[in-house]
Protein backbone atom coordinates (compact mmCIF):
# COMPACT_ATOMS: atom_id res chain seq x y z
CA UNK A 1 106.46 -52.23 300.20
CA UNK A 2 105.84 -53.64 296.71
CA UNK A 3 102.91 -52.71 294.56
CA UNK A 4 101.44 -56.23 294.86
CA UNK A 5 100.63 -55.81 298.55
CA UNK A 6 96.85 -55.96 298.91
CA UNK A 7 95.09 -52.91 300.27
CA UNK A 8 93.38 -53.12 303.64
CA UNK A 9 89.79 -54.08 303.65
CA UNK A 10 87.20 -51.35 303.81
CA UNK A 11 83.71 -51.89 305.09
CA UNK A 12 80.58 -49.72 304.83
CA UNK A 13 82.54 -47.02 303.00
CA UNK A 14 84.58 -46.19 306.15
CA UNK A 15 88.32 -47.00 306.39
CA UNK A 16 89.25 -49.01 309.44
CA UNK A 17 91.64 -47.31 311.90
CA UNK A 18 95.12 -48.78 312.42
CA UNK A 19 95.14 -50.19 315.93
CA UNK A 20 98.78 -51.31 315.78
CA UNK A 21 98.08 -54.87 314.73
CA UNK A 22 99.63 -55.85 311.42
CA UNK A 23 97.24 -57.80 309.18
CA UNK A 24 98.23 -61.36 308.44
CA UNK A 25 98.39 -60.75 304.68
CA UNK A 26 101.19 -58.19 305.25
CA UNK A 27 103.20 -60.60 307.37
CA UNK A 28 102.88 -63.38 304.83
CA UNK A 29 104.35 -61.22 302.08
CA UNK A 30 107.96 -62.27 301.13
CA UNK A 31 109.30 -58.65 301.43
CA UNK A 32 107.84 -58.13 304.88
CA UNK A 33 110.18 -57.30 307.75
CA UNK A 34 109.14 -56.75 311.27
CA UNK A 35 109.76 -53.12 312.31
CA UNK A 36 112.80 -52.68 314.54
CA UNK A 37 111.94 -50.96 317.82
CA UNK A 38 113.69 -47.64 318.40
CA UNK A 39 116.63 -47.60 320.79
CA UNK A 40 115.01 -44.72 322.66
CA UNK A 41 111.87 -46.72 323.48
CA UNK A 42 113.65 -49.15 325.84
CA UNK A 43 114.34 -48.42 329.49
CA UNK A 44 118.13 -48.57 328.97
CA UNK A 45 120.49 -48.82 326.05
CA UNK A 46 121.31 -52.43 326.92
CA UNK A 47 117.62 -53.38 326.99
CA UNK A 48 117.07 -51.80 323.60
CA UNK A 49 120.04 -53.66 322.08
CA UNK A 50 118.94 -56.97 323.61
CA UNK A 51 115.31 -56.61 322.42
CA UNK A 52 116.48 -55.69 318.93
CA UNK A 53 118.76 -58.74 318.82
CA UNK A 54 116.03 -61.11 320.07
CA UNK A 55 113.57 -59.74 317.56
CA UNK A 56 116.09 -60.14 314.73
CA UNK A 57 116.51 -63.82 315.61
CA UNK A 58 120.32 -63.64 315.34
CA UNK A 59 122.72 -65.03 317.90
CA UNK A 60 125.56 -63.22 319.67
CA UNK A 61 128.07 -65.29 317.72
CA UNK A 62 126.66 -64.18 314.39
CA UNK A 63 126.63 -60.52 315.48
CA UNK A 64 130.18 -60.84 316.82
CA UNK A 65 131.30 -62.11 313.43
CA UNK A 66 129.43 -59.33 311.61
CA UNK A 67 130.67 -56.51 313.87
CA UNK A 68 134.10 -58.00 314.66
CA UNK A 69 133.45 -57.27 318.33
CA UNK A 70 134.12 -59.93 320.94
CA UNK A 71 131.06 -61.65 322.42
CA UNK A 72 131.87 -60.59 325.97
CA UNK A 73 131.73 -56.92 324.96
CA UNK A 74 128.34 -57.41 323.26
CA UNK A 75 127.03 -59.09 326.45
CA UNK A 76 128.45 -56.21 328.52
CA UNK A 77 126.57 -53.72 326.32
CA UNK A 78 123.28 -55.59 326.66
CA UNK A 79 123.73 -55.86 330.46
CA UNK A 80 124.81 -52.19 330.84
CA UNK A 81 128.07 -53.41 332.39
CA UNK A 82 130.22 -50.40 331.48
CA UNK A 83 133.13 -51.47 333.72
CA UNK A 84 133.83 -54.50 331.50
CA UNK A 85 134.26 -52.37 328.39
CA UNK A 86 137.67 -51.14 327.16
CA UNK A 87 138.58 -47.48 326.73
CA UNK A 88 135.84 -45.00 325.90
CA UNK A 89 136.87 -44.58 322.28
CA UNK A 90 136.59 -48.33 321.61
CA UNK A 91 133.35 -48.57 323.59
CA UNK A 92 131.69 -45.91 321.43
CA UNK A 93 132.89 -47.76 318.34
CA UNK A 94 131.39 -51.03 319.66
CA UNK A 95 128.04 -49.33 320.34
CA UNK A 96 127.99 -47.83 316.85
CA UNK A 97 128.84 -51.16 315.18
CA UNK A 98 126.32 -53.18 317.27
CA UNK A 99 123.49 -50.70 316.61
CA UNK A 100 124.25 -50.64 312.89
CA UNK A 101 124.23 -54.45 312.68
CA UNK A 102 120.81 -54.55 314.42
CA UNK A 103 119.34 -51.89 312.12
CA UNK A 104 119.12 -49.24 314.85
CA UNK A 105 120.04 -45.57 314.60
CA UNK A 106 123.76 -45.49 315.33
CA UNK A 107 123.88 -41.80 316.34
CA UNK A 108 120.97 -42.16 318.78
CA UNK A 109 122.62 -45.23 320.30
CA UNK A 110 125.93 -43.39 320.78
CA UNK A 111 124.23 -40.35 322.34
CA UNK A 112 122.30 -42.55 324.77
CA UNK A 113 125.51 -44.39 325.68
CA UNK A 114 127.18 -41.06 326.45
CA UNK A 115 124.25 -40.04 328.69
CA UNK A 116 124.09 -43.33 330.57
CA UNK A 117 127.88 -43.68 330.83
CA UNK A 118 129.34 -40.16 331.21
CA UNK A 119 133.03 -39.59 330.71
CA UNK A 120 134.67 -39.08 334.14
CA UNK A 121 137.66 -37.26 332.62
CA UNK A 122 135.51 -34.31 331.45
CA UNK A 123 135.09 -31.81 334.32
CA UNK A 124 131.65 -30.56 335.14
CA UNK A 125 130.77 -27.21 333.66
CA UNK A 126 128.91 -24.57 335.56
CA UNK A 127 125.34 -24.09 334.34
CA UNK A 128 124.91 -21.23 331.94
CA UNK A 129 122.40 -18.48 332.68
CA UNK A 130 122.07 -19.05 336.44
CA UNK A 131 123.25 -15.54 337.41
CA UNK A 132 121.75 -13.83 334.38
CA UNK A 133 119.15 -12.02 336.43
CA UNK A 134 121.79 -10.71 338.82
CA UNK A 135 123.93 -9.43 335.94
CA UNK A 136 120.91 -7.85 334.34
CA UNK A 137 120.04 -6.15 337.60
CA UNK A 138 123.46 -4.57 338.16
CA UNK A 139 124.49 -3.95 334.55
CA UNK A 140 123.10 -0.36 334.34
CA UNK A 141 125.10 0.64 337.38
CA UNK A 142 128.28 -0.91 336.04
CA UNK A 143 127.83 0.72 332.66
CA UNK A 144 127.18 4.08 334.30
CA UNK A 145 130.33 3.87 336.45
CA UNK A 146 132.46 2.96 333.43
CA UNK A 147 131.02 5.80 331.37
CA UNK A 148 131.63 8.26 334.20
CA UNK A 149 135.26 7.12 334.52
CA UNK A 150 135.79 7.50 330.77
CA UNK A 151 134.33 11.03 330.79
CA UNK A 152 136.53 11.99 333.73
CA UNK A 153 139.72 10.75 332.02
CA UNK A 154 138.91 12.52 328.75
CA UNK A 155 137.99 15.75 330.55
CA UNK A 156 141.19 15.71 332.59
CA UNK A 157 143.32 15.34 329.45
CA UNK A 158 141.47 18.14 327.68
CA UNK A 159 141.90 20.40 330.72
CA UNK A 160 145.64 19.76 330.85
CA UNK A 161 146.08 20.49 327.15
CA UNK A 162 144.13 23.74 327.38
CA UNK A 163 146.30 24.93 330.29
CA UNK A 164 149.50 24.18 328.36
CA UNK A 165 148.40 26.07 325.28
CA UNK A 166 150.05 29.51 325.07
CA UNK A 167 150.05 32.22 322.47
CA UNK A 168 153.20 32.12 320.26
CA UNK A 169 155.73 34.82 321.19
CA UNK A 170 158.59 36.04 318.97
CA UNK A 171 162.02 34.65 319.75
CA UNK A 172 164.59 36.86 321.43
CA UNK A 173 167.14 35.92 318.79
CA UNK A 174 164.99 37.30 316.00
CA UNK A 175 165.72 40.90 317.06
CA UNK A 176 169.53 40.51 316.86
CA UNK A 177 170.82 41.34 313.37
CA UNK A 178 173.13 38.84 311.78
CA UNK A 179 176.73 40.07 311.77
CA UNK A 180 178.40 37.15 310.08
CA UNK A 181 178.27 35.28 306.84
CA UNK A 182 178.91 31.72 305.95
CA UNK A 183 182.65 31.02 305.74
CA UNK A 184 183.73 34.30 307.35
CA UNK A 185 185.95 34.41 310.47
CA UNK A 186 185.74 37.54 312.65
CA UNK A 187 188.94 39.60 312.37
CA UNK A 188 190.54 37.42 309.73
CA UNK A 189 190.27 37.20 305.97
CA UNK A 190 189.84 33.68 304.79
CA UNK A 191 190.53 32.51 301.27
CA UNK A 192 189.91 29.05 299.92
CA UNK A 193 192.48 27.46 297.68
CA UNK A 194 192.20 24.72 295.15
CA UNK A 195 191.00 21.37 296.48
CA UNK A 196 193.69 18.92 297.41
CA UNK A 197 194.12 15.60 295.74
CA UNK A 198 192.56 12.59 297.33
CA UNK A 199 194.87 10.61 299.63
CA UNK A 200 196.33 7.45 298.15
CA UNK A 201 194.74 4.13 298.86
CA UNK A 202 195.97 2.29 301.89
CA UNK A 203 198.82 -0.06 301.07
CA UNK A 204 201.04 -2.31 303.09
CA UNK A 205 204.06 -0.28 304.18
CA UNK A 206 207.51 -1.44 303.23
CA UNK A 207 209.44 -3.50 305.73
CA UNK A 208 211.24 -1.13 308.10
CA UNK A 209 214.80 -2.04 309.00
CA UNK A 210 216.26 -0.29 311.99
CA UNK A 211 219.49 1.51 310.99
CA UNK A 212 222.50 -0.15 312.54
CA UNK A 213 220.59 -3.23 313.67
CA UNK A 214 222.79 -5.60 311.69
CA UNK A 215 225.92 -3.89 313.00
CA UNK A 216 224.72 -4.24 316.56
CA UNK A 217 223.97 -7.92 316.03
CA UNK A 218 227.50 -8.58 314.74
CA UNK A 219 229.21 -6.27 317.28
CA UNK A 220 230.47 -3.85 314.62
CA UNK A 221 231.02 -0.22 315.59
CA UNK A 222 229.67 1.62 312.55
CA UNK A 223 229.92 5.01 314.29
CA UNK A 224 233.68 4.73 314.72
CA UNK A 225 235.70 7.10 312.49
CA UNK A 226 236.96 5.37 309.42
CA UNK A 227 234.66 2.37 309.84
CA UNK A 228 233.18 1.02 306.62
CA UNK A 229 229.79 -0.60 306.41
CA UNK A 230 229.77 -4.19 305.28
CA UNK A 231 227.14 -5.21 302.76
CA UNK A 232 224.93 -7.55 304.78
CA UNK A 233 221.65 -9.05 303.73
CA UNK A 234 218.71 -7.29 305.37
CA UNK A 235 217.03 -9.07 308.22
CA UNK A 236 213.72 -10.57 307.06
CA UNK A 237 210.61 -10.73 309.17
CA UNK A 238 210.84 -13.21 311.99
CA UNK A 239 208.58 -16.16 312.71
CA UNK A 240 205.64 -15.10 314.87
CA UNK A 241 203.54 -17.98 316.28
CA UNK A 242 199.83 -17.29 315.88
CA UNK A 243 198.45 -20.72 316.67
CA UNK A 244 199.37 -24.28 317.48
CA UNK A 245 202.85 -25.48 316.47
CA UNK A 246 203.22 -29.12 315.43
CA UNK A 247 206.21 -31.27 314.59
CA UNK A 248 209.71 -31.26 316.07
CA UNK A 249 210.95 -29.13 318.94
CA UNK A 250 212.49 -25.70 318.43
CA UNK A 251 216.03 -26.98 319.02
CA UNK A 252 215.68 -29.82 316.51
CA UNK A 253 214.36 -27.83 313.55
CA UNK A 254 215.60 -25.05 311.28
CA UNK A 255 212.57 -25.02 308.93
CA UNK A 256 209.08 -23.84 309.98
CA UNK A 257 206.01 -23.86 307.72
CA UNK A 258 203.25 -21.47 308.77
CA UNK A 259 199.81 -21.42 307.14
CA UNK A 260 198.50 -18.13 305.82
CA UNK A 261 195.04 -19.64 305.38
CA UNK A 262 193.41 -23.00 305.90
CA UNK A 263 195.22 -25.65 303.83
CA UNK A 264 196.30 -29.28 304.13
CA UNK A 265 199.90 -30.36 304.70
CA UNK A 266 201.25 -33.92 304.36
CA UNK A 267 204.86 -34.93 305.12
CA UNK A 268 205.60 -38.31 303.53
CA UNK A 269 208.74 -40.36 304.18
CA UNK A 270 210.73 -41.98 301.39
CA UNK A 271 209.37 -45.42 302.28
CA UNK A 272 205.76 -44.22 302.05
CA UNK A 273 205.12 -43.67 305.74
CA UNK A 274 203.23 -40.55 306.74
CA UNK A 275 205.22 -38.43 309.15
CA UNK A 276 202.63 -35.65 309.47
CA UNK A 277 199.20 -35.01 307.95
CA UNK A 278 196.84 -32.29 309.06
CA UNK A 279 194.53 -29.52 307.92
CA UNK A 280 196.25 -26.42 309.30
CA UNK A 281 194.23 -23.32 310.11
CA UNK A 282 195.48 -19.81 309.52
CA UNK A 283 198.39 -19.10 311.92
CA UNK A 284 199.19 -22.74 312.74
CA UNK A 285 202.71 -23.94 311.97
CA UNK A 286 204.73 -27.13 311.49
CA UNK A 287 208.40 -27.55 312.49
CA UNK A 288 210.20 -29.86 310.08
CA UNK A 289 212.85 -32.13 311.63
CA UNK A 290 216.48 -32.11 310.52
CA UNK A 291 218.18 -35.01 308.78
CA UNK A 292 214.95 -36.63 307.55
CA UNK A 293 214.39 -37.66 303.94
CA UNK A 294 210.78 -36.69 303.26
CA UNK A 295 208.59 -34.84 300.78
CA UNK A 296 206.18 -32.03 301.77
CA UNK A 297 202.87 -32.18 299.92
CA UNK A 298 200.73 -29.04 300.20
CA UNK A 299 197.27 -28.51 298.77
CA UNK A 300 198.18 -24.85 298.10
CA UNK A 301 201.90 -23.93 298.15
CA UNK A 302 201.11 -20.20 298.26
CA UNK A 303 199.25 -20.73 301.54
CA UNK A 304 202.44 -21.66 303.50
CA UNK A 305 205.24 -19.27 304.53
CA UNK A 306 208.68 -20.85 304.91
CA UNK A 307 210.85 -19.63 307.81
CA UNK A 308 214.53 -20.61 307.70
CA UNK A 309 216.43 -20.16 310.95
CA UNK A 310 213.60 -17.96 312.19
CA UNK A 311 213.58 -15.60 309.17
CA UNK A 312 211.10 -15.50 306.34
CA UNK A 313 212.30 -17.33 303.25
CA UNK A 314 209.33 -17.00 300.91
CA UNK A 315 206.60 -19.56 300.24
CA UNK A 316 206.71 -23.22 299.28
CA UNK A 317 208.06 -23.50 295.72
CA UNK A 318 205.72 -26.30 294.63
CA UNK A 319 203.05 -28.69 295.81
CA UNK A 320 205.70 -31.40 296.37
CA UNK A 321 208.88 -29.99 297.95
CA UNK A 322 211.74 -32.16 299.26
CA UNK A 323 212.44 -31.45 302.91
CA UNK A 324 216.19 -31.88 302.32
CA UNK A 325 216.08 -28.90 299.96
CA UNK A 326 214.64 -26.63 302.66
CA UNK A 327 217.10 -27.93 305.28
CA UNK A 328 219.96 -27.32 302.84
CA UNK A 329 218.79 -23.74 302.30
CA UNK A 330 218.64 -23.21 306.04
CA UNK A 331 222.16 -24.58 306.48
CA UNK A 332 223.53 -22.43 303.65
CA UNK A 333 221.85 -19.35 305.10
CA UNK A 334 223.26 -20.08 308.55
CA UNK A 335 226.81 -20.51 307.18
CA UNK A 336 226.47 -17.33 305.09
CA UNK A 337 225.28 -15.38 308.11
CA UNK A 338 228.20 -16.69 310.17
CA UNK A 339 230.68 -15.79 307.40
CA UNK A 340 229.19 -12.32 307.02
CA UNK A 341 229.33 -11.79 310.76
CA UNK A 342 232.97 -12.89 310.86
CA UNK A 343 233.83 -10.60 307.94
CA UNK A 344 232.09 -7.73 309.65
CA UNK A 345 234.00 -8.37 312.86
CA UNK A 346 237.30 -8.47 310.96
CA UNK A 347 236.47 -5.29 309.10
CA UNK A 348 235.47 -3.56 312.29
CA UNK A 349 238.66 -4.68 314.02
CA UNK A 350 240.79 -3.48 311.08
CA UNK A 351 239.01 -0.15 311.04
CA UNK A 352 239.53 0.21 314.76
CA UNK A 353 243.26 -0.53 314.41
CA UNK A 354 243.48 1.98 311.58
CA UNK A 355 242.05 4.64 313.84
CA UNK A 356 244.06 3.67 316.92
CA UNK A 357 247.52 3.36 315.18
CA UNK A 358 247.89 7.06 314.15
CA UNK A 359 246.78 8.14 317.57
CA UNK A 360 249.30 5.84 319.20
CA UNK A 361 252.11 7.18 317.05
CA UNK A 362 251.12 10.73 317.81
CA UNK A 363 251.12 10.01 321.53
CA UNK A 364 254.64 8.36 321.50
CA UNK A 365 257.32 10.86 322.78
CA UNK A 366 260.30 11.60 320.42
CA UNK A 367 263.64 9.86 321.04
CA UNK A 368 266.15 11.80 323.21
CA UNK A 369 269.15 13.36 321.44
CA UNK A 370 272.61 12.48 322.93
CA UNK A 371 274.03 15.12 325.24
CA UNK A 372 277.16 17.06 324.31
CA UNK A 373 280.19 16.04 326.21
CA UNK A 374 281.86 12.82 327.03
CA UNK A 375 279.67 9.79 326.66
CA UNK A 376 279.84 7.39 329.54
CA UNK A 377 281.40 4.09 328.87
CA UNK A 378 278.30 2.16 329.89
CA UNK A 379 276.09 4.12 327.44
CA UNK A 380 278.33 3.45 324.52
CA UNK A 381 278.62 -0.13 325.32
CA UNK A 382 274.91 -0.39 325.72
CA UNK A 383 274.31 1.40 322.45
CA UNK A 384 276.67 -0.79 320.54
CA UNK A 385 275.68 -3.79 322.31
């Protein structure tokens, strides 16, 4: 209180005992406030909240505005009607706010609410210390059994190790003298020469061309005596599909573009239309149609192998290559191959005739000489005839 509160009266030199009644001069003081009863003094939590509210002289509406809790929930708390309250979390918050607004101890109010309204979702726990006497009674026996088992296991392991221990004995091989030396071969003198050079690094082997393959393809007999070999272009590596093939069919195309690695390929018509556009993976190929005026755009020309009539014809010359140029190369190559094959056939036929003609003349019998004597009339007539 303030310092201006008068002291209690004292009579006959003896201080009067406080009997619980507050003197009137204390109540009349402007700073006086009636003491708020403790929430634990009431019979229930609701009774304590109701008594505190009545003693404060405030209405439920005022407390609802101060706590921001609906009036029906404050009435439910004062009447201990727990079923009308919302979830437990909100109910505890309402109890804490209501007790704080009334000047009560919030923690004591919450603990009393938890005792009077237990949470049904929390399972009951077994009481602690009920069987303590039983455990204490049998614990020496249990400890003794465990110690005995541990001693038995340790003793058994020690016994097994002692039985396996043996005195070291010399090896039987130690008594045999060594009769060989490192690098020596029994019955043969070995000499080491100079070290050989390291093998060359692995490289891609040159393209192997089977001897006589071109002659067999053009039906030329190169093993015939007197036959001359015709200078033909070597057969290049053939197209080997290793993935999906897009574009025209095999009978309608002489040009195939195969991707060595992932790269984009766009075939654009002369009028701007896109004939083909795709990101080709390694091994995928595109068959270009014949008789189409288009331009082949490649993101990386070196990433596409060009196959003309099934044979390798190098890579794309540039990022933008006219399709007519590749088709023209394929047609020229096809005509050249046909001309070379025809020349080879003619040469082979001429060589064969050159070999057969002398043999035929040698096999022809000589003409008969006329017989001595009179020649028949018919013979002469026939000879002159």
